[in-house]
Amino acid sequence: MVACLNAHLDMEACERLAPDRIIHLHSLPQGSGNRVEERALPEKLASWLPDTETLTQWTYRRDLLNTVWFSDKSEHCFWTAGISPQLGSFRYHLPWNLLLHDMRLFNGGLIHGGLAEHQGSALLLLAPPDGGKTTTLAAAPTSWQVLSDDAALVWPLDNNAWQASPLPSWGMLNRATLGPTATLSRLDIPVPVRVMLRQYQSDKLHLVSVPPVAALPLIYRALCEYPAAFLADMSFRPQYFQTASALAKQVPCWQLDMPLHADVWPHFENLIKDSQS
C-alpha cells in the first residue's frame, strides 16, 4: 500500500508513530449495492491476524465506494479494491468507509471545502460547485499556507474548539490548479479552525456574519456533498447533522459575496484576528 501511495504523493517518509489503524489492501471482488453487517473474515484476510482476533466480531461495510472489514477489537482492518490492487485514481480509491466511520467516532466528519492556515490558525472555505473556491485559494499570498482545496477532516476538542487536517484531493495532486502556497502537509498534524467562510460569486464584494441557525444547513450540505460522503451509506448522515450543529454554534461563520479574482485575503486575515480577540 505504501508503494501505491508514494506513486501519487511526493512526500518524504515521516517518522514511525504508533498506528491507530493498520490497513491491509487486497484485491477481492466487491459486488454491488450497500450493505453493513457482522460477518466472519474471509480466509485470505484472516491469515494476516492472530487466531484470537479472527474470532472477534468483524463489521463488513460495502457501498459504491469500497469494501472494508474492521473490528473494535483489532487495530487491523482490510480494505479491498475490486478493480486492481493498485490505487488508480487517488481521489476515489481511499478506504472511505473506514475514514467516515472513524471520524464519526470523533464527532467529526469529512467536509467539502478548502483549508488555509495563517500563523497557526485555519480558515475553512466552503463554496458550491464552481463557486470559485479553488480560484480564490490559488491567489493566496505567501503569508498563508493552502493545505487543501477540496476537502478536509474536521473534529472537535474537549474545549469546544475545532481542528482540521488536510485531505489530499484532486487540486493538491494536480498542481497546475493551485498557486505557489499550496502544499501537501502531513495528515496527522491538525490546525485549529478559527473561521468558516461560505463563498458566493457576485458583482460586488460583501462580507456578512452568518448566525448559527443559518450556518447549520450550509455546513451540513458541505459535510454531505463531497463524493465520498455522498456515495457512502446513509447511516452516517444523522451524525453529520450533529457535527454541523456543533460547528455552527462554536465556530464563527461568514458569508462572502465576491467578484472572481477580488483581493479578499486581507479580509480573511482580519477575520482570523477578530476570532482570537
Protein backbone atom coordinates (compact mmCIF):
# COMPACT_ATOMS: atom_id res chain seq x y z
CA MET A 1 0.00 0.00 0.00
CA VAL A 2 2.84 2.42 0.85
CA ALA A 3 4.34 1.98 -2.61
CA CYS A 4 0.97 2.79 -4.19
CA LEU A 5 0.61 5.95 -2.13
CA ASN A 6 4.14 7.10 -2.88
CA ALA A 7 3.37 6.83 -6.60
CA HIS A 8 0.74 9.57 -6.13
CA LEU A 9 2.19 11.71 -3.35
CA ASP A 10 5.55 13.45 -3.45
CA MET A 11 6.16 13.35 0.30
CA GLU A 12 9.16 12.43 2.39
CA ALA A 13 8.73 9.41 4.66
CA CYS A 14 7.74 10.53 8.15
CA GLU A 15 8.89 9.04 11.42
CA ARG A 16 7.09 5.95 12.60
CA LEU A 17 4.31 6.55 15.11
CA ALA A 18 2.12 4.11 16.98
CA PRO A 19 -0.64 3.33 14.46
CA ASP A 20 -4.32 3.89 15.08
CA ARG A 21 -5.08 1.59 12.17
CA ILE A 22 -3.07 -0.94 10.20
CA ILE A 23 -4.71 -1.06 6.79
CA HIS A 24 -4.22 -4.05 4.51
CA LEU A 25 -5.09 -3.54 0.84
CA HIS A 26 -6.33 -6.62 -1.01
CA SER A 27 -7.85 -7.26 -4.39
CA LEU A 28 -11.15 -9.05 -3.85
CA PRO A 29 -14.45 -8.88 -5.76
CA GLN A 30 -16.58 -6.13 -4.26
CA GLY A 31 -20.03 -6.75 -5.68
CA SER A 32 -22.66 -4.02 -5.85
CA GLY A 33 -25.16 -2.30 -3.59
CA ASN A 34 -24.90 -1.13 0.02
CA ARG A 35 -24.55 -3.50 2.95
CA VAL A 36 -23.46 -3.30 6.59
CA GLU A 37 -23.37 -6.49 8.64
CA GLU A 38 -21.37 -8.61 11.05
CA ARG A 39 -19.62 -11.47 9.30
CA ALA A 40 -16.57 -13.69 9.53
CA LEU A 41 -13.40 -12.63 7.76
CA PRO A 42 -12.58 -14.44 4.50
CA GLU A 43 -9.77 -16.96 4.94
CA LYS A 44 -7.42 -14.85 2.80
CA LEU A 45 -7.79 -11.92 5.18
CA ALA A 46 -7.85 -13.89 8.43
CA SER A 47 -4.44 -15.34 7.66
CA TRP A 48 -2.91 -11.94 8.49
CA LEU A 49 -4.19 -11.97 12.10
CA PRO A 50 -3.55 -13.82 15.36
CA ASP A 51 -6.13 -16.54 15.96
CA THR A 52 -7.66 -14.60 18.87
CA GLU A 53 -8.57 -11.67 16.59
CA THR A 54 -10.13 -13.80 13.86
CA LEU A 55 -12.78 -14.96 16.36
CA THR A 56 -13.95 -11.44 17.29
CA GLN A 57 -16.89 -9.62 15.73
CA TRP A 58 -15.95 -8.04 12.40
CA THR A 59 -18.01 -5.44 10.58
CA TYR A 60 -18.34 -5.72 6.82
CA ARG A 61 -19.31 -2.43 5.16
CA ARG A 62 -19.80 -2.16 1.42
CA ASP A 63 -21.15 0.58 -0.81
CA LEU A 64 -20.47 2.13 -4.19
CA LEU A 65 -17.08 3.38 -3.00
CA ASN A 66 -15.34 0.39 -1.49
CA THR A 67 -15.47 -2.51 0.93
CA VAL A 68 -13.90 -2.52 4.39
CA TRP A 69 -13.70 -5.08 7.20
CA PHE A 70 -12.92 -3.68 10.65
CA SER A 71 -13.33 -4.60 14.32
CA ASP A 72 -13.29 -2.65 17.58
CA LYS A 73 -11.13 -5.47 18.99
CA SER A 74 -8.31 -5.10 16.47
CA GLU A 75 -6.09 -2.32 15.15
CA HIS A 76 -6.05 -4.14 11.80
CA CYS A 77 -8.57 -3.53 9.06
CA PHE A 78 -8.91 -4.71 5.48
CA TRP A 79 -9.70 -2.51 2.52
CA THR A 80 -10.47 -4.28 -0.72
CA ALA A 81 -10.16 -2.88 -4.21
CA GLY A 82 -12.41 -4.68 -6.64
CA ILE A 83 -10.71 -3.46 -9.81
CA SER A 84 -6.99 -3.55 -9.10
CA PRO A 85 -4.58 -3.90 -6.18
CA GLN A 86 -3.17 -0.53 -7.30
CA LEU A 87 -4.89 2.63 -6.09
CA GLY A 88 -5.68 4.04 -9.51
CA SER A 89 -7.34 7.44 -9.16
CA PHE A 90 -6.21 8.60 -5.73
CA ARG A 91 -9.27 10.75 -5.11
CA TYR A 92 -11.72 7.87 -5.27
CA HIS A 93 -9.64 4.94 -4.00
CA LEU A 94 -9.12 5.55 -0.33
CA PRO A 95 -10.70 3.46 2.47
CA TRP A 96 -13.54 5.97 2.70
CA ASN A 97 -15.90 3.77 4.72
CA LEU A 98 -13.29 3.33 7.41
CA LEU A 99 -12.38 7.01 7.40
CA LEU A 100 -16.02 8.12 7.72
CA HIS A 101 -16.66 5.55 10.44
CA ASP A 102 -13.68 6.69 12.49
CA MET A 103 -14.49 10.38 12.05
CA ARG A 104 -18.00 9.71 13.31
CA LEU A 105 -16.49 8.23 16.49
CA PHE A 106 -14.71 11.57 17.00
CA ASN A 107 -17.97 13.51 16.36
CA GLY A 108 -16.37 14.95 13.25
CA GLY A 109 -16.63 14.49 9.52
CA LEU A 110 -15.26 14.92 6.04
CA ILE A 111 -16.14 18.40 4.80
CA HIS A 112 -16.16 19.68 1.23
CA GLY A 113 -14.09 22.83 1.36
CA GLY A 114 -10.69 24.45 1.19
CA LEU A 115 -8.37 24.69 4.18
CA ALA A 116 -5.87 27.53 4.56
CA GLU A 117 -3.64 28.41 7.51
CA HIS A 118 -2.34 31.79 8.66
CA GLN A 119 0.08 31.99 11.61
CA GLY A 120 -1.18 28.79 13.20
CA SER A 121 -4.91 29.43 12.68
CA ALA A 122 -7.04 27.92 9.94
CA LEU A 123 -9.92 29.09 7.78
CA LEU A 124 -12.39 26.68 6.18
CA LEU A 125 -13.59 27.98 2.82
CA LEU A 126 -16.89 26.44 1.70
CA ALA A 127 -18.39 27.04 -1.73
CA PRO A 128 -20.92 25.39 -4.03
CA PRO A 129 -19.57 23.61 -7.14
CA ASP A 130 -17.95 26.14 -9.47
CA GLY A 131 -18.26 28.73 -6.72
CA GLY A 132 -14.68 29.95 -7.16
CA LYS A 133 -13.12 28.20 -4.16
CA THR A 134 -10.07 26.84 -6.00
CA THR A 135 -9.54 30.14 -7.84
CA THR A 136 -9.61 32.05 -4.56
CA LEU A 137 -7.17 29.67 -2.88
CA ALA A 138 -4.81 29.86 -5.86
CA ALA A 139 -4.44 33.60 -5.18
CA ALA A 140 -3.40 33.15 -1.53
CA PRO A 141 -0.43 35.37 -0.55
CA THR A 142 2.77 33.87 0.82
CA SER A 143 1.72 34.68 4.40
CA TRP A 144 -0.87 31.90 4.04
CA GLN A 145 -0.41 28.18 3.53
CA VAL A 146 -3.07 26.42 1.45
CA LEU A 147 -3.42 22.91 2.87
CA SER A 148 -6.26 21.59 0.72
CA ASP A 149 -8.52 22.99 -1.97
CA ASP A 150 -11.26 20.38 -1.92
CA ALA A 151 -11.75 18.50 1.35
CA ALA A 152 -10.67 18.38 4.99
CA LEU A 153 -11.31 16.28 8.06
CA VAL A 154 -12.83 18.24 10.98
CA TRP A 155 -13.46 17.17 14.57
CA PRO A 156 -14.00 18.83 17.98
CA LEU A 157 -11.75 19.08 21.01
CA ASP A 158 -12.90 18.97 24.61
CA ASN A 159 -12.93 22.78 24.97
CA ASN A 160 -15.48 23.46 22.20
CA ALA A 161 -12.64 24.24 19.79
CA TRP A 162 -12.34 22.53 16.41
CA GLN A 163 -9.42 21.33 14.39
CA ALA A 164 -8.90 20.14 10.85
CA SER A 165 -6.47 18.06 8.84
CA PRO A 166 -6.00 18.47 5.09
CA LEU A 167 -7.08 15.67 2.82
CA PRO A 168 -5.08 15.12 -0.39
CA SER A 169 -7.51 15.82 -3.18
CA TRP A 170 -7.62 16.44 -6.89
CA GLY A 171 -6.35 20.01 -6.77
CA MET A 172 -3.46 19.07 -4.50
CA LEU A 173 -2.35 16.30 -6.84
CA ASN A 174 -2.87 18.34 -9.99
CA ARG A 175 -0.57 21.21 -9.03
CA ALA A 176 -1.49 23.25 -12.11
CA THR A 177 -4.79 24.25 -10.47
CA LEU A 178 -3.25 25.81 -7.37
CA GLY A 179 -0.87 28.64 -6.56
CA PRO A 180 2.63 28.55 -5.03
CA THR A 181 1.43 28.48 -1.40
CA ALA A 182 -0.25 25.08 -1.78
CA THR A 183 1.47 22.20 -0.05
CA LEU A 184 0.93 18.55 0.79
CA SER A 185 1.12 18.51 4.57
CA ARG A 186 1.18 15.54 6.87
CA LEU A 187 -2.33 14.46 7.70
CA ASP A 188 -1.55 13.78 11.36
CA ILE A 189 -0.73 17.43 12.13
CA PRO A 190 -4.08 19.24 12.59
CA VAL A 191 -4.64 23.00 12.67
CA PRO A 192 -7.19 24.88 14.81
CA VAL A 193 -10.21 26.14 12.86
CA ARG A 194 -10.98 29.75 13.76
CA VAL A 195 -13.36 30.81 10.98
CA MET A 196 -15.66 29.26 8.37
CA LEU A 197 -16.50 31.16 5.22
CA ARG A 198 -19.23 30.41 2.68
CA GLN A 199 -18.26 31.92 -0.67
CA TYR A 200 -20.57 33.01 -3.48
CA GLN A 201 -19.82 34.75 -6.77
CA SER A 202 -21.22 38.26 -7.06
CA ASP A 203 -20.62 41.55 -8.87
CA LYS A 204 -19.73 43.32 -5.62
CA LEU A 205 -17.68 42.40 -2.56
CA HIS A 206 -19.83 41.92 0.53
CA LEU A 207 -18.97 40.20 3.83
CA VAL A 208 -21.63 39.45 6.44
CA SER A 209 -21.79 37.34 9.60
CA VAL A 210 -24.00 34.24 9.40
CA PRO A 211 -25.89 33.28 12.60
CA PRO A 212 -25.68 29.62 13.72
CA VAL A 213 -29.27 28.84 12.65
CA ALA A 214 -28.42 29.87 9.08
CA ALA A 215 -24.91 28.38 9.13
CA LEU A 216 -26.12 24.90 10.12
CA PRO A 217 -27.68 23.91 6.74
CA LEU A 218 -24.66 25.30 4.87
CA ILE A 219 -22.26 23.21 6.94
CA TYR A 220 -24.48 20.13 6.78
CA ARG A 221 -24.51 20.33 2.99
CA ALA A 222 -20.71 20.65 2.92
CA LEU A 223 -20.45 17.52 5.08
CA CYS A 224 -22.71 15.56 2.72
CA GLU A 225 -21.73 16.74 -0.76
CA TYR A 226 -18.13 15.52 -1.15
CA PRO A 227 -18.29 12.46 -3.47
CA ALA A 228 -17.04 10.06 -0.81
CA ALA A 229 -19.63 11.23 1.72
CA PHE A 230 -22.43 11.48 -0.85
CA LEU A 231 -21.96 7.89 -2.06
CA ALA A 232 -21.42 6.38 1.38
CA ASP A 233 -24.06 4.65 3.46
CA MET A 234 -26.93 6.88 4.61
CA SER A 235 -26.42 5.82 8.23
CA PHE A 236 -23.63 8.38 8.53
CA ARG A 237 -25.92 11.35 7.93
CA PRO A 238 -27.55 11.80 11.37
CA GLN A 239 -24.04 12.23 12.75
CA TYR A 240 -23.25 14.77 10.02
CA PHE A 241 -26.21 16.85 11.24
CA GLN A 242 -24.97 16.76 14.83
CA THR A 243 -21.50 17.73 13.67
CA ALA A 244 -22.89 20.61 11.60
CA SER A 245 -24.94 21.83 14.56
CA ALA A 246 -21.94 21.86 16.90
CA LEU A 247 -19.72 23.57 14.30
CA ALA A 248 -22.34 26.25 13.67
CA LYS A 249 -22.57 27.02 17.40
CA GLN A 250 -18.85 27.02 18.17
CA VAL A 251 -17.03 28.42 15.11
CA PRO A 252 -17.89 31.84 13.60
CA CYS A 253 -19.31 31.61 10.10
CA TRP A 254 -19.33 34.36 7.48
CA GLN A 255 -20.82 34.74 4.02
CA LEU A 256 -18.62 36.27 1.36
CA ASP A 257 -20.10 37.57 -1.89
CA MET A 258 -17.25 38.47 -4.22
CA PRO A 259 -16.24 39.03 -7.83
CA LEU A 260 -13.83 36.44 -9.17
CA HIS A 261 -10.16 37.41 -8.57
CA ALA A 262 -11.07 40.02 -5.95
CA ASP A 263 -8.39 40.72 -3.31
CA VAL A 264 -10.09 39.10 -0.33
CA TRP A 265 -7.13 37.79 1.66
CA PRO A 266 -6.70 40.92 3.83
CA HIS A 267 -10.35 40.42 4.88
CA PHE A 268 -9.57 36.80 5.75
CA GLU A 269 -6.66 37.88 7.95
CA ASN A 270 -8.93 40.33 9.80
CA LEU A 271 -11.48 37.57 10.41
CA ILE A 272 -8.76 35.35 11.90
CA LYS A 273 -7.56 38.19 14.15
CA ASP A 274 -11.11 39.04 15.29
CA SER A 275 -11.77 35.39 16.18
CA GLN A 276 -8.77 35.39 18.51
CA SER A 277 -9.68 38.60 20.36
